Amino acid sequence: ELAKFYEFKSIIEFHHTKKVDSPSGTSKHSAHLINLPESNIQSVRSDAFLAKQQIYFGSSSERILIDHESFSRESFIVGIQLCLKKIVEATEFMEGLENIID
């Protein structure tokens, strides 16, 4: 919804140095949702991070920042468990967590 009201949008994503894809699939998906070209995603690889994504919305007079960071892979467990449960029950192909979460 914010994307409709702000002229400027950008994404900065941070991951550990062993992360293979750049930008990450999560950042590409976020960019798609806010109608942002992939060229506006900045990727940082550093072992100071596990996973972090910042999405900026701005105008000439203000800026909104959505900032999410995972410090441990434990933060992914709930989503993995939900996906495993849904896979067993699935009768059709589903892509994206947003289509799995009730």
PDB file of N, CA and C in Angstrom:
ATOM      1  N   GLU A   1       0.813  -1.198   0.000  1.00  0.00           N
ATOM      2  CA  GLU A   1       0.000   0.000   0.000  1.00  0.00           C
ATOM      3  C   GLU A   1       0.859   1.265   0.000  1.00  0.00           C
ATOM      4  N   LEU A   2       1.968   1.252   0.735  1.00  0.00           N
ATOM      5  CA  LEU A   2       2.828   2.437   0.805  1.00  0.00           C
ATOM      6  C   LEU A   2       3.360   2.843  -0.563  1.00  0.00           C
ATOM      7  N   ALA A   3       3.617   1.871  -1.404  1.00  0.00           N
ATOM      8  CA  ALA A   3       4.214   2.154  -2.708  1.00  0.00           C
ATOM      9  C   ALA A   3       3.360   3.115  -3.530  1.00  0.00           C
ATOM     10  N   LYS A   4       2.061   3.100  -3.312  1.00  0.00           N
ATOM     11  CA  LYS A   4       1.162   3.977  -4.069  1.00  0.00           C
ATOM     12  C   LYS A   4       1.348   5.447  -3.703  1.00  0.00           C
ATOM     13  N   PHE A   5       1.858   5.722  -2.522  1.00  0.00           N
ATOM     14  CA  PHE A   5       1.893   7.082  -2.011  1.00  0.00           C
ATOM     15  C   PHE A   5       3.271   7.738  -2.022  1.00  0.00           C
ATOM     16  N   TYR A   6       4.307   6.974  -2.377  1.00  0.00           N
ATOM     17  CA  TYR A   6       5.659   7.508  -2.311  1.00  0.00           C
ATOM     18  C   TYR A   6       6.362   7.415  -3.654  1.00  0.00           C
ATOM     19  N   GLU A   7       7.010   8.504  -4.012  1.00  0.00           N
ATOM     20  CA  GLU A   7       7.702   8.605  -5.289  1.00  0.00           C
ATOM     21  C   GLU A   7       8.955   7.726  -5.327  1.00  0.00           C
ATOM     22  N   PHE A   8       9.701   7.698  -4.213  1.00  0.00           N
ATOM     23  CA  PHE A   8      10.969   6.981  -4.172  1.00  0.00           C
ATOM     24  C   PHE A   8      10.814   5.672  -3.408  1.00  0.00           C
ATOM     25  N   LYS A   9      11.369   4.593  -3.971  1.00  0.00           N
ATOM     26  CA  LYS A   9      11.347   3.280  -3.331  1.00  0.00           C
ATOM     27  C   LYS A   9      12.694   2.628  -3.580  1.00  0.00           C
ATOM     28  N   SER A  10      13.205   1.957  -2.579  1.00  0.00           N
ATOM     29  CA  SER A  10      14.437   1.199  -2.771  1.00  0.00           C
ATOM     30  C   SER A  10      14.525   0.091  -1.729  1.00  0.00           C
ATOM     31  N   ILE A  11      15.358  -0.885  -2.029  1.00  0.00           N
ATOM     32  CA  ILE A  11      15.576  -2.015  -1.123  1.00  0.00           C
ATOM     33  C   ILE A  11      17.078  -2.195  -0.949  1.00  0.00           C
ATOM     34  N   ILE A  12      17.484  -2.372   0.296  1.00  0.00           N
ATOM     35  CA  ILE A  12      18.855  -2.773   0.608  1.00  0.00           C
ATOM     36  C   ILE A  12      18.753  -4.098   1.359  1.00  0.00           C
ATOM     37  N   GLU A  13      19.454  -5.096   0.867  1.00  0.00           N
ATOM     38  CA  GLU A  13      19.430  -6.395   1.532  1.00  0.00           C
ATOM     39  C   GLU A  13      20.836  -6.803   1.909  1.00  0.00           C
ATOM     40  N   PHE A  14      20.947  -7.410   3.088  1.00  0.00           N
ATOM     41  CA  PHE A  14      22.228  -7.815   3.657  1.00  0.00           C
ATOM     42  C   PHE A  14      22.180  -9.313   3.946  1.00  0.00           C
ATOM     43  N   HIS A  15      23.216 -10.026   3.533  1.00  0.00           N
ATOM     44  CA  HIS A  15      23.300 -11.462   3.821  1.00  0.00           C
ATOM     45  C   HIS A  15      24.747 -11.840   4.080  1.00  0.00           C
ATOM     46  N   HIS A  16      24.921 -13.019   4.637  1.00  0.00           N
ATOM     47  CA  HIS A  16      26.248 -13.581   4.887  1.00  0.00           C
ATOM     48  C   HIS A  16      26.969 -13.820   3.562  1.00  0.00           C
ATOM     49  N   THR A  17      28.262 -13.967   3.617  1.00  0.00           N
ATOM     50  CA  THR A  17      29.073 -14.087   2.394  1.00  0.00           C
ATOM     51  C   THR A  17      28.855 -15.393   1.641  1.00  0.00           C
ATOM     52  N   LYS A  18      28.247 -16.384   2.279  1.00  0.00           N
ATOM     53  CA  LYS A  18      28.004 -17.659   1.586  1.00  0.00           C
ATOM     54  C   LYS A  18      26.667 -17.669   0.839  1.00  0.00           C
ATOM     55  N   LYS A  19      25.914 -16.593   0.933  1.00  0.00           N
ATOM     56  CA  LYS A  19      24.639 -16.485   0.211  1.00  0.00           C
ATOM     57  C   LYS A  19      24.929 -16.479  -1.281  1.00  0.00           C
ATOM     58  N   VAL A  20      24.325 -17.406  -2.015  1.00  0.00           N
ATOM     59  CA  VAL A  20      24.661 -17.597  -3.418  1.00  0.00           C
ATOM     60  C   VAL A  20      23.989 -16.564  -4.318  1.00  0.00           C
ATOM     61  N   ASP A  21      22.691 -16.331  -4.131  1.00  0.00           N
ATOM     62  CA  ASP A  21      21.988 -15.429  -5.038  1.00  0.00           C
ATOM     63  C   ASP A  21      22.092 -13.974  -4.577  1.00  0.00           C
ATOM     64  N   SER A  22      22.183 -13.082  -5.551  1.00  0.00           N
ATOM     65  CA  SER A  22      22.286 -11.657  -5.265  1.00  0.00           C
ATOM     66  C   SER A  22      21.671 -10.879  -6.424  1.00  0.00           C
ATOM     67  N   PRO A  23      20.586 -10.179  -6.210  1.00  0.00           N
ATOM     68  CA  PRO A  23      19.872 -10.053  -4.943  1.00  0.00           C
ATOM     69  C   PRO A  23      19.156 -11.349  -4.574  1.00  0.00           C
ATOM     70  N   SER A  24      18.762 -11.416  -3.333  1.00  0.00           N
ATOM     71  CA  SER A  24      18.086 -12.621  -2.836  1.00  0.00           C
ATOM     72  C   SER A  24      16.692 -12.746  -3.437  1.00  0.00           C
ATOM     73  N   GLY A  25      16.166 -13.950  -3.398  1.00  0.00           N
ATOM     74  CA  GLY A  25      14.804 -14.186  -3.877  1.00  0.00           C
ATOM     75  C   GLY A  25      13.779 -13.383  -3.095  1.00  0.00           C
ATOM     76  N   THR A  26      14.013 -13.232  -1.796  1.00  0.00           N
ATOM     77  CA  THR A  26      13.102 -12.443  -0.959  1.00  0.00           C
ATOM     78  C   THR A  26      13.079 -10.994  -1.416  1.00  0.00           C
ATOM     79  N   SER A  27      14.243 -10.419  -1.676  1.00  0.00           N
ATOM     80  CA  SER A  27      14.298  -9.031  -2.130  1.00  0.00           C
ATOM     81  C   SER A  27      13.683  -8.863  -3.511  1.00  0.00           C
ATOM     82  N   LYS A  28      13.917  -9.824  -4.399  1.00  0.00           N
ATOM     83  CA  LYS A  28      13.277  -9.775  -5.719  1.00  0.00           C
ATOM     84  C   LYS A  28      11.759  -9.811  -5.588  1.00  0.00           C
ATOM     85  N   HIS A  29      11.269 -10.663  -4.692  1.00  0.00           N
ATOM     86  CA  HIS A  29       9.824 -10.762  -4.487  1.00  0.00           C
ATOM     87  C   HIS A  29       9.276  -9.462  -3.906  1.00  0.00           C
ATOM     88  N   SER A  30       9.968  -8.900  -2.922  1.00  0.00           N
ATOM     89  CA  SER A  30       9.541  -7.617  -2.337  1.00  0.00           C
ATOM     90  C   SER A  30       9.517  -6.528  -3.407  1.00  0.00           C
ATOM     91  N   ALA A  31      10.533  -6.492  -4.252  1.00  0.00           N
ATOM     92  CA  ALA A  31      10.588  -5.495  -5.323  1.00  0.00           C
ATOM     93  C   ALA A  31       9.399  -5.644  -6.267  1.00  0.00           C
ATOM     94  N   HIS A  32       9.067  -6.872  -6.595  1.00  0.00           N
ATOM     95  CA  HIS A  32       7.909  -7.132  -7.459  1.00  0.00           C
ATOM     96  C   HIS A  32       6.626  -6.595  -6.816  1.00  0.00           C
ATOM     97  N   LEU A  33       6.456  -6.828  -5.508  1.00  0.00           N
ATOM     98  CA  LEU A  33       5.248  -6.391  -4.813  1.00  0.00           C
ATOM     99  C   LEU A  33       5.081  -4.877  -4.805  1.00  0.00           C
ATOM    100  N   ILE A  34       6.188  -4.130  -4.800  1.00  0.00           N
ATOM    101  CA  ILE A  34       6.091  -2.666  -4.759  1.00  0.00           C
ATOM    102  C   ILE A  34       6.419  -2.032  -6.119  1.00  0.00           C
ATOM    103  N   ASN A  35       6.462  -2.861  -7.161  1.00  0.00           N
ATOM    104  CA  ASN A  35       6.698  -2.385  -8.524  1.00  0.00           C
ATOM    105  C   ASN A  35       8.019  -1.623  -8.632  1.00  0.00           C
ATOM    106  N   LEU A  36       9.075  -2.257  -8.149  1.00  0.00           N
ATOM    107  CA  LEU A  36      10.406  -1.670  -8.141  1.00  0.00           C
ATOM    108  C   LEU A  36      11.324  -2.495  -9.037  1.00  0.00           C
ATOM    109  N   PRO A  37      12.027  -1.876  -9.968  1.00  0.00           N
ATOM    110  CA  PRO A  37      12.969  -2.641 -10.800  1.00  0.00           C
ATOM    111  C   PRO A  37      14.073  -3.268  -9.950  1.00  0.00           C
ATOM    112  N   GLU A  38      14.513  -4.451 -10.337  1.00  0.00           N
ATOM    113  CA  GLU A  38      15.593  -5.130  -9.602  1.00  0.00           C
ATOM    114  C   GLU A  38      16.849  -4.279  -9.522  1.00  0.00           C
ATOM    115  N   SER A  39      17.032  -3.384 -10.469  1.00  0.00           N
ATOM    116  CA  SER A  39      18.226  -2.523 -10.453  1.00  0.00           C
ATOM    117  C   SER A  39      18.235  -1.575  -9.251  1.00  0.00           C
ATOM    118  N   ASN A  40      17.103  -1.423  -8.585  1.00  0.00           N
ATOM    119  CA  ASN A  40      17.014  -0.572  -7.392  1.00  0.00           C
ATOM    120  C   ASN A  40      17.232  -1.358  -6.102  1.00  0.00           C
ATOM    121  N   ILE A  41      17.624  -2.609  -6.207  1.00  0.00           N
ATOM    122  CA  ILE A  41      17.969  -3.418  -5.032  1.00  0.00           C
ATOM    123  C   ILE A  41      19.483  -3.365  -4.854  1.00  0.00           C
ATOM    124  N   GLN A  42      19.915  -2.971  -3.675  1.00  0.00           N
ATOM    125  CA  GLN A  42      21.335  -2.968  -3.351  1.00  0.00           C
ATOM    126  C   GLN A  42      21.623  -4.179  -2.464  1.00  0.00           C
ATOM    127  N   SER A  43      22.608  -4.954  -2.814  1.00  0.00           N
ATOM    128  CA  SER A  43      22.948  -6.163  -2.073  1.00  0.00           C
ATOM    129  C   SER A  43      24.290  -6.014  -1.376  1.00  0.00           C
ATOM    130  N   VAL A  44      24.316  -6.369  -0.104  1.00  0.00           N
ATOM    131  CA  VAL A  44      25.542  -6.344   0.690  1.00  0.00           C
ATOM    132  C   VAL A  44      25.798  -7.764   1.185  1.00  0.00           C
ATOM    133  N   ARG A  45      27.019  -8.248   1.026  1.00  0.00           N
ATOM    134  CA  ARG A  45      27.396  -9.561   1.538  1.00  0.00           C
ATOM    135  C   ARG A  45      28.509  -9.365   2.559  1.00  0.00           C
ATOM    136  N   SER A  46      28.219  -9.770   3.798  1.00  0.00           N
ATOM    137  CA  SER A  46      29.175  -9.610   4.894  1.00  0.00           C
ATOM    138  C   SER A  46      28.847 -10.630   5.970  1.00  0.00           C
ATOM    139  N   ASP A  47      29.851 -11.210   6.577  1.00  0.00           N
ATOM    140  CA  ASP A  47      29.585 -12.173   7.640  1.00  0.00           C
ATOM    141  C   ASP A  47      29.132 -11.505   8.934  1.00  0.00           C
ATOM    142  N   ALA A  48      28.922 -10.198   8.900  1.00  0.00           N
ATOM    143  CA  ALA A  48      28.324  -9.500  10.038  1.00  0.00           C
ATOM    144  C   ALA A  48      26.804  -9.677  10.049  1.00  0.00           C
ATOM    145  N   PHE A  49      26.253 -10.309   8.988  1.00  0.00           N
ATOM    146  CA  PHE A  49      24.804 -10.485   8.865  1.00  0.00           C
ATOM    147  C   PHE A  49      24.457 -11.944   8.596  1.00  0.00           C
ATOM    148  N   LEU A  50      23.257 -12.328   9.016  1.00  0.00           N
ATOM    149  CA  LEU A  50      22.655 -13.567   8.540  1.00  0.00           C
ATOM    150  C   LEU A  50      21.701 -13.192   7.415  1.00  0.00           C
ATOM    151  N   ALA A  51      20.657 -12.407   7.749  1.00  0.00           N
ATOM    152  CA  ALA A  51      19.700 -11.947   6.748  1.00  0.00           C
ATOM    153  C   ALA A  51      19.031 -10.675   7.247  1.00  0.00           C
ATOM    154  N   LYS A  52      19.005  -9.666   6.395  1.00  0.00           N
ATOM    155  CA  LYS A  52      18.375  -8.394   6.746  1.00  0.00           C
ATOM    156  C   LYS A  52      17.862  -7.756   5.461  1.00  0.00           C
ATOM    157  N   GLN A  53      16.678  -7.156   5.544  1.00  0.00           N
ATOM    158  CA  GLN A  53      16.131  -6.440   4.398  1.00  0.00           C
ATOM    159  C   GLN A  53      15.550  -5.116   4.877  1.00  0.00           C
ATOM    160  N   GLN A  54      15.902  -4.052   4.167  1.00  0.00           N
ATOM    161  CA  GLN A  54      15.347  -2.738   4.442  1.00  0.00           C
ATOM    162  C   GLN A  54      14.631  -2.254   3.187  1.00  0.00           C
ATOM    163  N   ILE A  55      13.389  -1.819   3.366  1.00  0.00           N
ATOM    164  CA  ILE A  55      12.622  -1.259   2.256  1.00  0.00           C
ATOM    165  C   ILE A  55      12.327   0.193   2.592  1.00  0.00           C
ATOM    166  N   TYR A  56      12.735   1.082   1.699  1.00  0.00           N
ATOM    167  CA  TYR A  56      12.555   2.514   1.893  1.00  0.00           C
ATOM    168  C   TYR A  56      11.472   3.046   0.968  1.00  0.00           C
ATOM    169  N   PHE A  57      10.605   3.891   1.526  1.00  0.00           N
ATOM    170  CA  PHE A  57       9.617   4.639   0.767  1.00  0.00           C
ATOM    171  C   PHE A  57       9.852   6.101   1.111  1.00  0.00           C
ATOM    172  N   GLY A  58       9.919   6.980   0.116  1.00  0.00           N
ATOM    173  CA  GLY A  58      10.208   8.361   0.448  1.00  0.00           C
ATOM    174  C   GLY A  58       9.634   9.369  -0.523  1.00  0.00           C
ATOM    175  N   SER A  59       9.666  10.591  -0.072  1.00  0.00           N
ATOM    176  CA  SER A  59       9.303  11.751  -0.874  1.00  0.00           C
ATOM    177  C   SER A  59      10.327  12.832  -0.563  1.00  0.00           C
ATOM    178  N   SER A  60      10.115  14.035  -1.075  1.00  0.00           N
ATOM    179  CA  SER A  60      11.059  15.113  -0.798  1.00  0.00           C
ATOM    180  C   SER A  60      10.996  15.580   0.654  1.00  0.00           C
ATOM    181  N   SER A  61       9.950  15.148   1.397  1.00  0.00           N
ATOM    182  CA  SER A  61       9.793  15.654   2.764  1.00  0.00           C
ATOM    183  C   SER A  61       9.800  14.589   3.859  1.00  0.00           C
ATOM    184  N   GLU A  62       9.802  13.314   3.491  1.00  0.00           N
ATOM    185  CA  GLU A  62       9.808  12.282   4.530  1.00  0.00           C
ATOM    186  C   GLU A  62      10.266  10.942   3.971  1.00  0.00           C
ATOM    187  N   ARG A  63      10.564  10.025   4.898  1.00  0.00           N
ATOM    188  CA  ARG A  63      10.977   8.669   4.513  1.00  0.00           C
ATOM    189  C   ARG A  63      10.404   7.686   5.522  1.00  0.00           C
ATOM    190  N   ILE A  64       9.936   6.548   5.019  1.00  0.00           N
ATOM    191  CA  ILE A  64       9.492   5.441   5.865  1.00  0.00           C
ATOM    192  C   ILE A  64      10.414   4.266   5.590  1.00  0.00           C
ATOM    193  N   LEU A  65      10.856   3.613   6.657  1.00  0.00           N
ATOM    194  CA  LEU A  65      11.746   2.460   6.548  1.00  0.00           C
ATOM    195  C   LEU A  65      11.091   1.248   7.185  1.00  0.00           C
ATOM    196  N   ILE A  66      11.008   0.165   6.431  1.00  0.00           N
ATOM    197  CA  ILE A  66      10.616  -1.135   6.976  1.00  0.00           C
ATOM    198  C   ILE A  66      11.900  -1.950   7.055  1.00  0.00           C
ATOM    199  N   ASP A  67      12.232  -2.392   8.254  1.00  0.00           N
ATOM    200  CA  ASP A  67      13.518  -3.045   8.502  1.00  0.00           C
ATOM    201  C   ASP A  67      13.269  -4.389   9.181  1.00  0.00           C
ATOM    202  N   HIS A  68      13.736  -5.461   8.553  1.00  0.00           N
ATOM    203  CA  HIS A  68      13.588  -6.796   9.140  1.00  0.00           C
ATOM    204  C   HIS A  68      14.952  -7.470   9.164  1.00  0.00           C
ATOM    205  N   GLU A  69      15.282  -8.083  10.314  1.00  0.00           N
ATOM    206  CA  GLU A  69      16.564  -8.769  10.425  1.00  0.00           C
ATOM    207  C   GLU A  69      16.405 -10.075  11.187  1.00  0.00           C
ATOM    208  N   SER A  70      17.019 -11.123  10.663  1.00  0.00           N
ATOM    209  CA  SER A  70      17.097 -12.413  11.352  1.00  0.00           C
ATOM    210  C   SER A  70      18.509 -12.583  11.885  1.00  0.00           C
ATOM    211  N   PHE A  71      18.608 -12.902  13.176  1.00  0.00           N
ATOM    212  CA  PHE A  71      19.909 -13.104  13.814  1.00  0.00           C
ATOM    213  C   PHE A  71      20.266 -14.577  13.921  1.00  0.00           C
ATOM    214  N   SER A  72      19.265 -15.436  13.708  1.00  0.00           N
ATOM    215  CA  SER A  72      19.462 -16.875  13.851  1.00  0.00           C
ATOM    216  C   SER A  72      18.567 -17.590  12.853  1.00  0.00           C
ATOM    217  N   ARG A  73      19.035 -18.705  12.362  1.00  0.00           N
ATOM    218  CA  ARG A  73      18.205 -19.496  11.449  1.00  0.00           C
ATOM    219  C   ARG A  73      16.961 -20.049  12.136  1.00  0.00           C
ATOM    220  N   GLU A  74      16.941 -20.007  13.463  1.00  0.00           N
ATOM    221  CA  GLU A  74      15.740 -20.428  14.205  1.00  0.00           C
ATOM    222  C   GLU A  74      14.521 -19.616  13.796  1.00  0.00           C
ATOM    223  N   SER A  75      14.732 -18.385  13.335  1.00  0.00           N
ATOM    224  CA  SER A  75      13.603 -17.540  12.936  1.00  0.00           C
ATOM    225  C   SER A  75      12.865 -18.104  11.721  1.00  0.00           C
ATOM    226  N   PHE A  76      13.490 -19.019  10.987  1.00  0.00           N
ATOM    227  CA  PHE A  76      12.865 -19.598   9.805  1.00  0.00           C
ATOM    228  C   PHE A  76      12.066 -20.863  10.122  1.00  0.00           C
ATOM    229  N   ILE A  77      12.198 -21.398  11.331  1.00  0.00           N
ATOM    230  CA  ILE A  77      11.609 -22.693  11.677  1.00  0.00           C
ATOM    231  C   ILE A  77      10.084 -22.711  11.557  1.00  0.00           C
ATOM    232  N   VAL A  78       9.413 -21.680  12.053  1.00  0.00           N
ATOM    233  CA  VAL A  78       7.947 -21.659  12.011  1.00  0.00           C
ATOM    234  C   VAL A  78       7.449 -21.742  10.567  1.00  0.00           C
ATOM    235  N   GLY A  79       8.063 -20.982   9.668  1.00  0.00           N
ATOM    236  CA  GLY A  79       7.667 -21.021   8.261  1.00  0.00           C
ATOM    237  C   GLY A  79       7.956 -22.362   7.610  1.00  0.00           C
ATOM    238  N   ILE A  80       9.088 -22.961   7.955  1.00  0.00           N
ATOM    239  CA  ILE A  80       9.433 -24.278   7.406  1.00  0.00           C
ATOM    240  C   ILE A  80       8.439 -25.333   7.885  1.00  0.00           C
ATOM    241  N   GLN A  81       8.115 -25.300   9.174  1.00  0.00           N
ATOM    242  CA  GLN A  81       7.149 -26.263   9.716  1.00  0.00           C
ATOM    243  C   GLN A  81       5.784 -26.105   9.048  1.00  0.00           C
ATOM    244  N   LEU A  82       5.351 -24.874   8.852  1.00  0.00           N
ATOM    245  CA  LEU A  82       4.070 -24.619   8.197  1.00  0.00           C
ATOM    246  C   LEU A  82       4.086 -25.162   6.768  1.00  0.00           C
ATOM    247  N   CYS A  83       5.175 -24.915   6.036  1.00  0.00           N
ATOM    248  CA  CYS A  83       5.286 -25.416   4.666  1.00  0.00           C
ATOM    249  C   CYS A  83       5.255 -26.930   4.605  1.00  0.00           C
ATOM    250  N   LEU A  84       5.958 -27.593   5.516  1.00  0.00           N
ATOM    251  CA  LEU A  84       5.971 -29.056   5.529  1.00  0.00           C
ATOM    252  C   LEU A  84       4.580 -29.618   5.779  1.00  0.00           C
ATOM    253  N   LYS A  85       3.848 -29.000   6.700  1.00  0.00           N
ATOM    254  CA  LYS A  85       2.482 -29.442   6.984  1.00  0.00           C
ATOM    255  C   LYS A  85       1.584 -29.243   5.759  1.00  0.00           C
ATOM    256  N   LYS A  86       1.706 -28.094   5.102  1.00  0.00           N
ATOM    257  CA  LYS A  86       0.870 -27.786   3.943  1.00  0.00           C
ATOM    258  C   LYS A  86       1.210 -28.663   2.738  1.00  0.00           C
ATOM    259  N   ILE A  87       2.490 -29.031   2.592  1.00  0.00           N
ATOM    260  CA  ILE A  87       2.890 -29.885   1.472  1.00  0.00           C
ATOM    261  C   ILE A  87       2.160 -31.222   1.535  1.00  0.00           C
ATOM    262  N   VAL A  88       2.059 -31.768   2.732  1.00  0.00           N
ATOM    263  CA  VAL A  88       1.383 -33.064   2.912  1.00  0.00           C
ATOM    264  C   VAL A  88      -0.093 -32.945   2.539  1.00  0.00           C
ATOM    265  N   GLU A  89      -0.708 -31.799   2.819  1.00  0.00           N
ATOM    266  CA  GLU A  89      -2.135 -31.595   2.563  1.00  0.00           C
ATOM    267  C   GLU A  89      -2.425 -31.060   1.160  1.00  0.00           C
ATOM    268  N   ALA A  90      -1.410 -30.603   0.438  1.00  0.00           N
ATOM    269  CA  ALA A  90      -1.608 -29.900  -0.833  1.00  0.00           C
ATOM    270  C   ALA A  90      -2.184 -30.799  -1.916  1.00  0.00           C
ATOM    271  N   THR A  91      -3.078 -30.223  -2.692  1.00  0.00           N
ATOM    272  CA  THR A  91      -3.635 -30.917  -3.853  1.00  0.00           C
ATOM    273  C   THR A  91      -3.247 -30.215  -5.151  1.00  0.00           C
ATOM    274  N   GLU A  92      -2.545 -29.059  -5.014  1.00  0.00           N
ATOM    275  CA  GLU A  92      -2.089 -28.313  -6.187  1.00  0.00           C
ATOM    276  C   GLU A  92      -0.786 -27.582  -5.859  1.00  0.00           C
ATOM    277  N   PHE A  93      -0.095 -27.120  -6.888  1.00  0.00           N
ATOM    278  CA  PHE A  93       1.155 -26.401  -6.714  1.00  0.00           C
ATOM    279  C   PHE A  93       0.897 -25.025  -6.117  1.00  0.00           C
ATOM    280  N   MET A  94       1.699 -24.655  -5.100  1.00  0.00           N
ATOM    281  CA  MET A  94       1.626 -23.319  -4.510  1.00  0.00           C
ATOM    282  C   MET A  94       3.027 -22.748  -4.455  1.00  0.00           C
ATOM    283  N   GLU A  95       3.154 -21.472  -4.776  1.00  0.00           N
ATOM    284  CA  GLU A  95       4.450 -20.802  -4.717  1.00  0.00           C
ATOM    285  C   GLU A  95       4.326 -19.560  -3.843  1.00  0.00           C
ATOM    286  N   GLY A  96       5.255 -19.398  -2.905  1.00  0.00           N
ATOM    287  CA  GLY A  96       5.272 -18.226  -2.041  1.00  0.00           C
ATOM    288  C   GLY A  96       4.568 -18.467  -0.716  1.00  0.00           C
ATOM    289  N   LEU A  97       5.240 -18.059   0.372  1.00  0.00           N
ATOM    290  CA  LEU A  97       4.658 -18.226   1.710  1.00  0.00           C
ATOM    291  C   LEU A  97       3.318 -17.534   1.855  1.00  0.00           C
ATOM    292  N   GLU A  98       3.160 -16.388   1.160  1.00  0.00           N
ATOM    293  CA  GLU A  98       1.901 -15.666   1.280  1.00  0.00           C
ATOM    294  C   GLU A  98       0.709 -16.478   0.775  1.00  0.00           C
ATOM    295  N   ASN A  99       0.959 -17.473  -0.069  1.00  0.00           N
ATOM    296  CA  ASN A  99      -0.112 -18.334  -0.571  1.00  0.00           C
ATOM    297  C   ASN A  99      -0.328 -19.560   0.292  1.00  0.00           C
ATOM    298  N   ILE A 100       0.558 -19.784   1.256  1.00  0.00           N
ATOM    299  CA  ILE A 100       0.464 -20.947   2.136  1.00  0.00           C
ATOM    300  C   ILE A 100      -0.131 -20.569   3.484  1.00  0.00           C
ATOM    301  N   ILE A 101       0.193 -19.362   3.955  1.00  0.00           N
ATOM    302  CA  ILE A 101      -0.276 -18.921   5.264  1.00  0.00           C
ATOM    303  C   ILE A 101      -1.765 -18.632   5.228  1.00  0.00           C
ATOM    304  N   ASP A 102      -2.475 -19.214   6.163  1.00  0.00           N
ATOM    305  CA  ASP A 102      -3.940 -18.983   6.238  1.00  0.00           C
ATOM    306  C   ASP A 102      -4.246 -17.673   6.881  1.00  0.00           C
TER     307      ASP A 102
END
